[in-house]
Amino acid sequence: MEVRNGPCAGSWAFPGGRVPAGEAPERTAERELRAQTGIRDLYLEQLRTFGDPQRDPRAHVVSVGYFALLPDRAP
């Protein structure tokens, strides 16, 4: 997806969002994926944590990447 706002506008990035206080990262991943793509009810697994302090010019951001397994919908 292309980033629409902020210092990375115009760049490509995976769908994502901030983890609100009291919400597990896994739940945030499910919620954000559904909100941004409409995809729901799938298998998610944590892939990797990214924490390079230079990734975001605004602050030191730690990201947790997940991958999803989708059912084959081909006829």
N, C-alpha and C. Protein backbone atom coordinates (compact mmCIF):
# COMPACT_ATOMS: atom_id res chain seq x y z
N MET A 1 0.84 -1.17 0.00
CA MET A 1 0.00 0.00 0.00
C MET A 1 0.89 1.24 0.00
N GLU A 2 0.45 2.27 -0.67
CA GLU A 2 1.20 3.51 -0.69
C GLU A 2 0.82 4.36 0.52
N VAL A 3 1.83 4.89 1.21
CA VAL A 3 1.61 5.74 2.37
C VAL A 3 1.10 7.09 1.88
N ARG A 4 0.01 7.57 2.48
CA ARG A 4 -0.62 8.80 2.01
C ARG A 4 -0.16 10.05 2.76
N ASN A 5 0.21 9.90 4.03
CA ASN A 5 0.55 11.07 4.85
C ASN A 5 1.86 10.86 5.59
N GLY A 6 2.38 11.96 6.15
CA GLY A 6 3.58 11.90 6.98
C GLY A 6 4.86 11.96 6.17
N PRO A 7 6.00 11.78 6.85
CA PRO A 7 7.29 11.94 6.19
C PRO A 7 7.59 10.84 5.17
N CYS A 8 6.85 9.75 5.20
CA CYS A 8 7.07 8.65 4.25
C CYS A 8 6.02 8.65 3.14
N ALA A 9 5.25 9.74 2.99
CA ALA A 9 4.20 9.81 1.97
C ALA A 9 4.79 9.52 0.60
N GLY A 10 4.06 8.73 -0.18
CA GLY A 10 4.51 8.36 -1.50
C GLY A 10 5.32 7.08 -1.53
N SER A 11 5.74 6.59 -0.38
CA SER A 11 6.49 5.34 -0.29
C SER A 11 5.51 4.18 -0.13
N TRP A 12 6.01 2.99 -0.40
CA TRP A 12 5.19 1.79 -0.20
C TRP A 12 5.49 1.21 1.17
N ALA A 13 4.43 0.70 1.83
CA ALA A 13 4.59 0.09 3.15
C ALA A 13 3.49 -0.94 3.36
N PHE A 14 3.73 -1.85 4.27
CA PHE A 14 2.70 -2.80 4.65
C PHE A 14 1.63 -2.10 5.46
N PRO A 15 0.39 -2.61 5.45
CA PRO A 15 -0.64 -2.02 6.30
C PRO A 15 -0.22 -2.13 7.76
N GLY A 16 -0.58 -1.15 8.56
CA GLY A 16 -0.22 -1.21 9.97
C GLY A 16 -0.80 -0.06 10.73
N GLY A 17 -0.51 -0.05 12.01
CA GLY A 17 -1.00 1.01 12.89
C GLY A 17 -0.38 0.87 14.26
N ARG A 18 -0.67 1.83 15.09
CA ARG A 18 -0.13 1.82 16.45
C ARG A 18 -0.92 0.88 17.35
N VAL A 19 -0.21 0.28 18.31
CA VAL A 19 -0.84 -0.60 19.28
C VAL A 19 -1.36 0.26 20.43
N PRO A 20 -2.68 0.33 20.62
CA PRO A 20 -3.20 1.14 21.73
C PRO A 20 -2.91 0.47 23.08
N ALA A 21 -2.82 1.27 24.12
CA ALA A 21 -2.60 0.75 25.46
C ALA A 21 -3.70 -0.27 25.78
N GLY A 22 -3.29 -1.41 26.29
CA GLY A 22 -4.24 -2.44 26.68
C GLY A 22 -4.62 -3.42 25.58
N GLU A 23 -4.10 -3.24 24.36
CA GLU A 23 -4.41 -4.16 23.26
C GLU A 23 -3.17 -4.97 22.91
N ALA A 24 -3.33 -6.26 22.74
CA ALA A 24 -2.21 -7.13 22.36
C ALA A 24 -1.80 -6.84 20.92
N PRO A 25 -0.50 -6.91 20.61
CA PRO A 25 -0.06 -6.66 19.23
C PRO A 25 -0.77 -7.55 18.21
N GLU A 26 -1.05 -8.81 18.57
CA GLU A 26 -1.74 -9.71 17.64
C GLU A 26 -3.13 -9.18 17.29
N ARG A 27 -3.83 -8.67 18.29
CA ARG A 27 -5.17 -8.11 18.07
C ARG A 27 -5.08 -6.86 17.19
N THR A 28 -4.08 -6.03 17.44
CA THR A 28 -3.89 -4.83 16.61
C THR A 28 -3.65 -5.23 15.16
N ALA A 29 -2.81 -6.26 14.93
CA ALA A 29 -2.53 -6.72 13.57
C ALA A 29 -3.82 -7.16 12.88
N GLU A 30 -4.64 -7.94 13.56
CA GLU A 30 -5.91 -8.40 12.99
C GLU A 30 -6.83 -7.22 12.68
N ARG A 31 -6.96 -6.31 13.63
CA ARG A 31 -7.86 -5.16 13.48
C ARG A 31 -7.42 -4.24 12.35
N GLU A 32 -6.12 -3.93 12.28
CA GLU A 32 -5.61 -3.04 11.24
C GLU A 32 -5.72 -3.68 9.86
N LEU A 33 -5.42 -4.96 9.75
CA LEU A 33 -5.53 -5.64 8.47
C LEU A 33 -6.97 -5.61 7.97
N ARG A 34 -7.92 -5.88 8.86
CA ARG A 34 -9.33 -5.85 8.49
C ARG A 34 -9.77 -4.45 8.09
N ALA A 35 -9.36 -3.44 8.87
CA ALA A 35 -9.76 -2.05 8.59
C ALA A 35 -9.18 -1.53 7.27
N GLN A 36 -7.96 -1.93 6.94
CA GLN A 36 -7.30 -1.38 5.77
C GLN A 36 -7.50 -2.20 4.49
N THR A 37 -7.86 -3.48 4.64
CA THR A 37 -8.00 -4.33 3.46
C THR A 37 -9.33 -5.06 3.36
N GLY A 38 -10.06 -5.15 4.47
CA GLY A 38 -11.31 -5.91 4.48
C GLY A 38 -11.12 -7.39 4.71
N ILE A 39 -9.87 -7.84 4.80
CA ILE A 39 -9.58 -9.26 5.01
C ILE A 39 -9.79 -9.60 6.48
N ARG A 40 -10.46 -10.73 6.73
CA ARG A 40 -10.71 -11.16 8.11
C ARG A 40 -10.66 -12.68 8.21
N ASP A 41 -10.68 -13.17 9.43
CA ASP A 41 -10.71 -14.61 9.71
C ASP A 41 -9.60 -15.37 8.98
N LEU A 42 -8.36 -15.05 9.32
CA LEU A 42 -7.23 -15.73 8.71
C LEU A 42 -6.19 -16.06 9.77
N TYR A 43 -5.21 -16.82 9.38
CA TYR A 43 -4.14 -17.22 10.28
C TYR A 43 -3.03 -16.18 10.23
N LEU A 44 -2.68 -15.60 11.38
CA LEU A 44 -1.57 -14.65 11.49
C LEU A 44 -0.49 -15.24 12.38
N GLU A 45 0.76 -15.02 12.00
CA GLU A 45 1.88 -15.44 12.83
C GLU A 45 2.94 -14.36 12.80
N GLN A 46 3.57 -14.13 13.98
CA GLN A 46 4.61 -13.11 14.05
C GLN A 46 5.81 -13.55 13.22
N LEU A 47 6.30 -12.64 12.40
CA LEU A 47 7.43 -12.90 11.52
C LEU A 47 8.74 -12.40 12.12
N ARG A 48 8.75 -11.11 12.49
CA ARG A 48 9.99 -10.48 12.97
C ARG A 48 9.67 -9.16 13.65
N THR A 49 10.58 -8.74 14.53
CA THR A 49 10.50 -7.42 15.13
C THR A 49 11.58 -6.55 14.50
N PHE A 50 11.19 -5.34 14.09
CA PHE A 50 12.11 -4.39 13.45
C PHE A 50 12.29 -3.21 14.40
N GLY A 51 13.53 -2.86 14.73
CA GLY A 51 13.74 -1.81 15.71
C GLY A 51 14.88 -0.85 15.43
N ASP A 52 15.35 -0.78 14.19
CA ASP A 52 16.44 0.15 13.85
C ASP A 52 16.02 1.58 14.19
N PRO A 53 16.77 2.28 15.03
CA PRO A 53 16.40 3.64 15.43
C PRO A 53 16.28 4.62 14.26
N GLN A 54 16.86 4.33 13.12
CA GLN A 54 16.84 5.24 11.97
C GLN A 54 15.67 4.99 11.01
N ARG A 55 14.81 4.01 11.29
CA ARG A 55 13.72 3.66 10.38
C ARG A 55 12.71 4.78 10.19
N ASP A 56 12.42 5.53 11.23
CA ASP A 56 11.41 6.59 11.16
C ASP A 56 12.07 7.88 11.63
N PRO A 57 12.03 8.94 10.81
CA PRO A 57 12.71 10.18 11.19
C PRO A 57 12.07 10.90 12.37
N ARG A 58 10.85 10.54 12.74
CA ARG A 58 10.15 11.24 13.82
C ARG A 58 10.49 10.71 15.20
N ALA A 59 10.74 9.39 15.30
CA ALA A 59 10.97 8.78 16.61
C ALA A 59 11.53 7.38 16.43
N HIS A 60 12.04 6.82 17.50
CA HIS A 60 12.48 5.42 17.48
C HIS A 60 11.23 4.55 17.56
N VAL A 61 10.92 3.89 16.47
CA VAL A 61 9.71 3.09 16.36
C VAL A 61 10.09 1.62 16.29
N VAL A 62 9.42 0.80 17.07
CA VAL A 62 9.61 -0.64 17.01
C VAL A 62 8.37 -1.23 16.34
N SER A 63 8.58 -2.03 15.29
CA SER A 63 7.48 -2.63 14.55
C SER A 63 7.54 -4.15 14.68
N VAL A 64 6.38 -4.76 14.78
CA VAL A 64 6.27 -6.22 14.82
C VAL A 64 5.58 -6.63 13.53
N GLY A 65 6.28 -7.40 12.71
CA GLY A 65 5.73 -7.84 11.43
C GLY A 65 5.06 -9.19 11.56
N TYR A 66 3.92 -9.35 10.91
CA TYR A 66 3.17 -10.60 10.89
C TYR A 66 3.00 -11.04 9.45
N PHE A 67 2.82 -12.34 9.25
CA PHE A 67 2.41 -12.81 7.93
C PHE A 67 1.07 -13.52 8.10
N ALA A 68 0.31 -13.56 7.03
CA ALA A 68 -1.02 -14.15 7.06
C ALA A 68 -1.11 -15.26 6.02
N LEU A 69 -1.82 -16.31 6.36
CA LEU A 69 -2.12 -17.37 5.41
C LEU A 69 -3.57 -17.20 4.99
N LEU A 70 -3.78 -17.09 3.69
CA LEU A 70 -5.11 -16.89 3.13
C LEU A 70 -5.57 -18.16 2.43
N PRO A 71 -6.86 -18.45 2.49
CA PRO A 71 -7.34 -19.63 1.76
C PRO A 71 -7.24 -19.43 0.26
N ASP A 72 -7.01 -20.49 -0.46
CA ASP A 72 -6.96 -20.45 -1.92
C ASP A 72 -8.38 -20.30 -2.44
N ARG A 73 -8.63 -19.21 -3.15
CA ARG A 73 -9.98 -18.95 -3.65
C ARG A 73 -10.09 -19.18 -5.15
N ALA A 74 -9.06 -19.83 -5.72
CA ALA A 74 -9.08 -20.09 -7.15
C ALA A 74 -10.10 -21.19 -7.45
N PRO A 75 -10.78 -21.11 -8.60
CA PRO A 75 -11.78 -22.15 -8.94
C PRO A 75 -11.14 -23.49 -9.23
